[in-house]
Amino acid sequence: VQLVESGGGLVQAGGSLKLPCAGSGFTSSIVDMSWSRQAPGKERAGVATMSSNGERITSEDSVKGRFTISNKENLAQLQMTNLKPDDTAVYYCNADGVFYFSDPGEAVRWEQLEVWGQGTLVTVSS
């Protein structure tokens, strides 16, 4: 199972970016999704979470109203608007739950996993 983030880059303050997180190596999943970020010289911190059924969404206070998390058909996404220099960080997606694997001629199997992406760098200039 692999998660790959993309969409990072350099943006001016007030701008927007969309960070996709594509999953591969599995057939389907029931997972809680989350995004975290690690700013230079700081520890990784949570940004937003979404439960597997999409009914429970949380976000860190500093991004409320600016960042939106979504997850559909093996593609999670973090939509970021009104970006600020303090948002500069490496952003990571995380999937935690059950992954299903279906190979031709074989019974469906499942595994409980927590998977992280490799991160994508977002730099916001003032």
C-alpha atoms as a PDB file:
ATOM      1  CA  VAL A   1       0.000   0.000   0.000  1.00  0.00           C
ATOM      2  CA  GLN A   2       1.374   3.375  -0.964  1.00  0.00           C
ATOM      3  CA  LEU A   3       0.242   6.966  -0.528  1.00  0.00           C
ATOM      4  CA  VAL A   4       1.731   9.679  -2.719  1.00  0.00           C
ATOM      5  CA  GLU A   5       1.147  13.362  -2.072  1.00  0.00           C
ATOM      6  CA  SER A   6       1.583  15.980  -4.766  1.00  0.00           C
ATOM      7  CA  GLY A   7       0.632  19.572  -5.481  1.00  0.00           C
ATOM      8  CA  GLY A   8       3.159  21.282  -3.234  1.00  0.00           C
ATOM      9  CA  GLY A   9       5.151  24.280  -4.355  1.00  0.00           C
ATOM     10  CA  LEU A  10       5.813  27.964  -3.862  1.00  0.00           C
ATOM     11  CA  VAL A  11       2.827  30.269  -3.480  1.00  0.00           C
ATOM     12  CA  GLN A  12       2.353  33.854  -2.348  1.00  0.00           C
ATOM     13  CA  ALA A  13       0.499  34.667   0.843  1.00  0.00           C
ATOM     14  CA  GLY A  14      -3.224  34.718   0.191  1.00  0.00           C
ATOM     15  CA  GLY A  15      -2.939  32.122  -2.539  1.00  0.00           C
ATOM     16  CA  SER A  16      -4.355  28.603  -2.762  1.00  0.00           C
ATOM     17  CA  LEU A  17      -3.051  25.105  -3.317  1.00  0.00           C
ATOM     18  CA  LYS A  18      -4.671  21.697  -3.657  1.00  0.00           C
ATOM     19  CA  LEU A  19      -2.767  18.684  -2.338  1.00  0.00           C
ATOM     20  CA  PRO A  20      -3.929  15.332  -3.724  1.00  0.00           C
ATOM     21  CA  CYS A  21      -2.978  12.121  -1.927  1.00  0.00           C
ATOM     22  CA  ALA A  22      -3.282   9.137  -4.228  1.00  0.00           C
ATOM     23  CA  GLY A  23      -3.503   5.622  -2.858  1.00  0.00           C
ATOM     24  CA  SER A  24      -2.347   2.506  -4.685  1.00  0.00           C
ATOM     25  CA  GLY A  25      -1.578  -1.148  -4.095  1.00  0.00           C
ATOM     26  CA  PHE A  26      -5.012  -2.081  -2.783  1.00  0.00           C
ATOM     27  CA  THR A  27      -8.514  -2.695  -4.123  1.00  0.00           C
ATOM     28  CA  SER A  28     -10.575  -0.679  -1.665  1.00  0.00           C
ATOM     29  CA  SER A  29     -10.388   0.620   1.860  1.00  0.00           C
ATOM     30  CA  ILE A  30     -12.278   1.824   4.894  1.00  0.00           C
ATOM     31  CA  VAL A  31      -9.925   4.300   6.516  1.00  0.00           C
ATOM     32  CA  ASP A  32      -9.727   7.443   8.561  1.00  0.00           C
ATOM     33  CA  MET A  33      -7.733  10.038   6.641  1.00  0.00           C
ATOM     34  CA  SER A  34      -5.609  12.775   8.091  1.00  0.00           C
ATOM     35  CA  TRP A  35      -3.142  15.431   7.057  1.00  0.00           C
ATOM     36  CA  SER A  36      -0.187  16.546   9.146  1.00  0.00           C
ATOM     37  CA  ARG A  37       2.590  19.024   8.532  1.00  0.00           C
ATOM     38  CA  GLN A  38       6.105  19.609   9.729  1.00  0.00           C
ATOM     39  CA  ALA A  39       7.427  23.135   9.620  1.00  0.00           C
ATOM     40  CA  PRO A  40      11.195  23.795   9.593  1.00  0.00           C
ATOM     41  CA  GLY A  41      12.639  23.169  13.039  1.00  0.00           C
ATOM     42  CA  LYS A  42       9.327  21.972  14.470  1.00  0.00           C
ATOM     43  CA  GLU A  43       7.690  18.639  15.210  1.00  0.00           C
ATOM     44  CA  ARG A  44       5.046  17.148  12.943  1.00  0.00           C
ATOM     45  CA  ALA A  45       1.575  18.340  13.896  1.00  0.00           C
ATOM     46  CA  GLY A  46      -1.930  17.385  12.839  1.00  0.00           C
ATOM     47  CA  VAL A  47      -3.825  19.633  10.440  1.00  0.00           C
ATOM     48  CA  ALA A  48      -7.109  17.917   9.613  1.00  0.00           C
ATOM     49  CA  THR A  49      -8.823  14.548   9.927  1.00  0.00           C
ATOM     50  CA  MET A  50     -11.794  12.832   8.328  1.00  0.00           C
ATOM     51  CA  SER A  51     -13.473   9.670   9.580  1.00  0.00           C
ATOM     52  CA  SER A  52     -14.001   6.772   7.190  1.00  0.00           C
ATOM     53  CA  ASN A  53     -17.692   7.583   6.748  1.00  0.00           C
ATOM     54  CA  GLY A  54     -16.995  11.278   6.254  1.00  0.00           C
ATOM     55  CA  GLU A  55     -19.232  12.268   9.145  1.00  0.00           C
ATOM     56  CA  ARG A  56     -16.527  13.434  11.543  1.00  0.00           C
ATOM     57  CA  ILE A  57     -14.165  16.108  10.323  1.00  0.00           C
ATOM     58  CA  THR A  58     -11.749  17.986  12.551  1.00  0.00           C
ATOM     59  CA  SER A  59      -9.202  20.665  11.798  1.00  0.00           C
ATOM     60  CA  GLU A  60      -6.548  22.498  13.732  1.00  0.00           C
ATOM     61  CA  ASP A  61      -7.633  25.955  14.906  1.00  0.00           C
ATOM     62  CA  SER A  62      -5.160  27.878  12.750  1.00  0.00           C
ATOM     63  CA  VAL A  63      -6.509  26.352   9.524  1.00  0.00           C
ATOM     64  CA  LYS A  64     -10.235  26.389  10.291  1.00  0.00           C
ATOM     65  CA  GLY A  65     -12.141  28.024   7.484  1.00  0.00           C
ATOM     66  CA  ARG A  66      -9.104  27.895   5.189  1.00  0.00           C
ATOM     67  CA  PHE A  67      -8.270  24.183   4.740  1.00  0.00           C
ATOM     68  CA  THR A  68     -10.739  21.503   3.622  1.00  0.00           C
ATOM     69  CA  ILE A  69     -10.101  17.753   3.762  1.00  0.00           C
ATOM     70  CA  SER A  70     -11.858  15.326   1.447  1.00  0.00           C
ATOM     71  CA  ASN A  71     -11.586  11.656   0.482  1.00  0.00           C
ATOM     72  CA  LYS A  72     -13.209   9.893  -2.471  1.00  0.00           C
ATOM     73  CA  GLU A  73     -12.369   6.766  -4.439  1.00  0.00           C
ATOM     74  CA  ASN A  74      -8.807   6.256  -3.223  1.00  0.00           C
ATOM     75  CA  LEU A  75      -7.981   9.945  -3.616  1.00  0.00           C
ATOM     76  CA  ALA A  76      -7.732  12.133  -0.555  1.00  0.00           C
ATOM     77  CA  GLN A  77      -7.208  15.846  -0.898  1.00  0.00           C
ATOM     78  CA  LEU A  78      -6.365  18.898   1.157  1.00  0.00           C
ATOM     79  CA  GLN A  79      -7.661  22.127  -0.314  1.00  0.00           C
ATOM     80  CA  MET A  80      -5.812  25.101   1.143  1.00  0.00           C
ATOM     81  CA  THR A  81      -6.908  28.711   0.680  1.00  0.00           C
ATOM     82  CA  ASN A  82      -5.751  32.072   2.022  1.00  0.00           C
ATOM     83  CA  LEU A  83      -2.325  30.608   2.694  1.00  0.00           C
ATOM     84  CA  LYS A  84      -0.025  32.307   5.180  1.00  0.00           C
ATOM     85  CA  PRO A  85       3.756  32.160   5.618  1.00  0.00           C
ATOM     86  CA  ASP A  86       3.188  30.149   8.827  1.00  0.00           C
ATOM     87  CA  ASP A  87       1.651  27.414   6.657  1.00  0.00           C
ATOM     88  CA  THR A  88       5.085  26.698   5.172  1.00  0.00           C
ATOM     89  CA  ALA A  89       5.810  23.026   5.896  1.00  0.00           C
ATOM     90  CA  VAL A  90       6.090  19.534   4.485  1.00  0.00           C
ATOM     91  CA  TYR A  91       2.564  18.133   4.314  1.00  0.00           C
ATOM     92  CA  TYR A  92       1.877  14.423   4.858  1.00  0.00           C
ATOM     93  CA  CYS A  93      -1.269  12.383   4.320  1.00  0.00           C
ATOM     94  CA  ASN A  94      -2.101   9.378   6.461  1.00  0.00           C
ATOM     95  CA  ALA A  95      -4.574   6.533   6.099  1.00  0.00           C
ATOM     96  CA  ASP A  96      -5.465   4.365   9.092  1.00  0.00           C
ATOM     97  CA  GLY A  97      -7.904   1.469   8.778  1.00  0.00           C
ATOM     98  CA  VAL A  98      -8.736  -1.625   6.754  1.00  0.00           C
ATOM     99  CA  PHE A  99      -7.378  -2.200   3.256  1.00  0.00           C
ATOM    100  CA  TYR A 100      -8.855  -4.867   0.950  1.00  0.00           C
ATOM    101  CA  PHE A 101      -6.893  -6.783  -1.660  1.00  0.00           C
ATOM    102  CA  SER A 102      -8.555  -8.684  -4.493  1.00  0.00           C
ATOM    103  CA  ASP A 103      -6.372 -10.717  -6.821  1.00  0.00           C
ATOM    104  CA  PRO A 104      -7.735 -12.763  -9.758  1.00  0.00           C
ATOM    105  CA  GLY A 105      -8.655 -16.289  -8.696  1.00  0.00           C
ATOM    106  CA  GLU A 106      -8.034 -15.582  -5.026  1.00  0.00           C
ATOM    107  CA  ALA A 107     -10.311 -14.808  -2.119  1.00  0.00           C
ATOM    108  CA  VAL A 108     -10.477 -11.212  -0.997  1.00  0.00           C
ATOM    109  CA  ARG A 109      -8.163 -10.543   1.911  1.00  0.00           C
ATOM    110  CA  TRP A 110      -7.830  -7.577   4.221  1.00  0.00           C
ATOM    111  CA  GLU A 111      -5.270  -5.975   6.480  1.00  0.00           C
ATOM    112  CA  GLN A 112      -5.416  -3.363   9.216  1.00  0.00           C
ATOM    113  CA  LEU A 113      -2.736  -0.802   8.336  1.00  0.00           C
ATOM    114  CA  GLU A 114      -1.578   2.723   9.022  1.00  0.00           C
ATOM    115  CA  VAL A 115       0.164   4.229   6.010  1.00  0.00           C
ATOM    116  CA  TRP A 116       1.993   7.546   5.541  1.00  0.00           C
ATOM    117  CA  GLY A 117       2.910   9.343   2.350  1.00  0.00           C
ATOM    118  CA  GLN A 118       6.374  10.728   1.719  1.00  0.00           C
ATOM    119  CA  GLY A 119       5.294  14.354   2.030  1.00  0.00           C
ATOM    120  CA  THR A 120       5.088  17.371  -0.244  1.00  0.00           C
ATOM    121  CA  LEU A 121       6.684  20.757   0.479  1.00  0.00           C
ATOM    122  CA  VAL A 122       4.528  23.867   0.597  1.00  0.00           C
ATOM    123  CA  THR A 123       6.311  27.212   0.790  1.00  0.00           C
ATOM    124  CA  VAL A 124       4.306  30.400   1.312  1.00  0.00           C
ATOM    125  CA  SER A 125       6.102  33.668   0.646  1.00  0.00           C
ATOM    126  CA  SER A 126       5.101  36.944   2.271  1.00  0.00           C
END
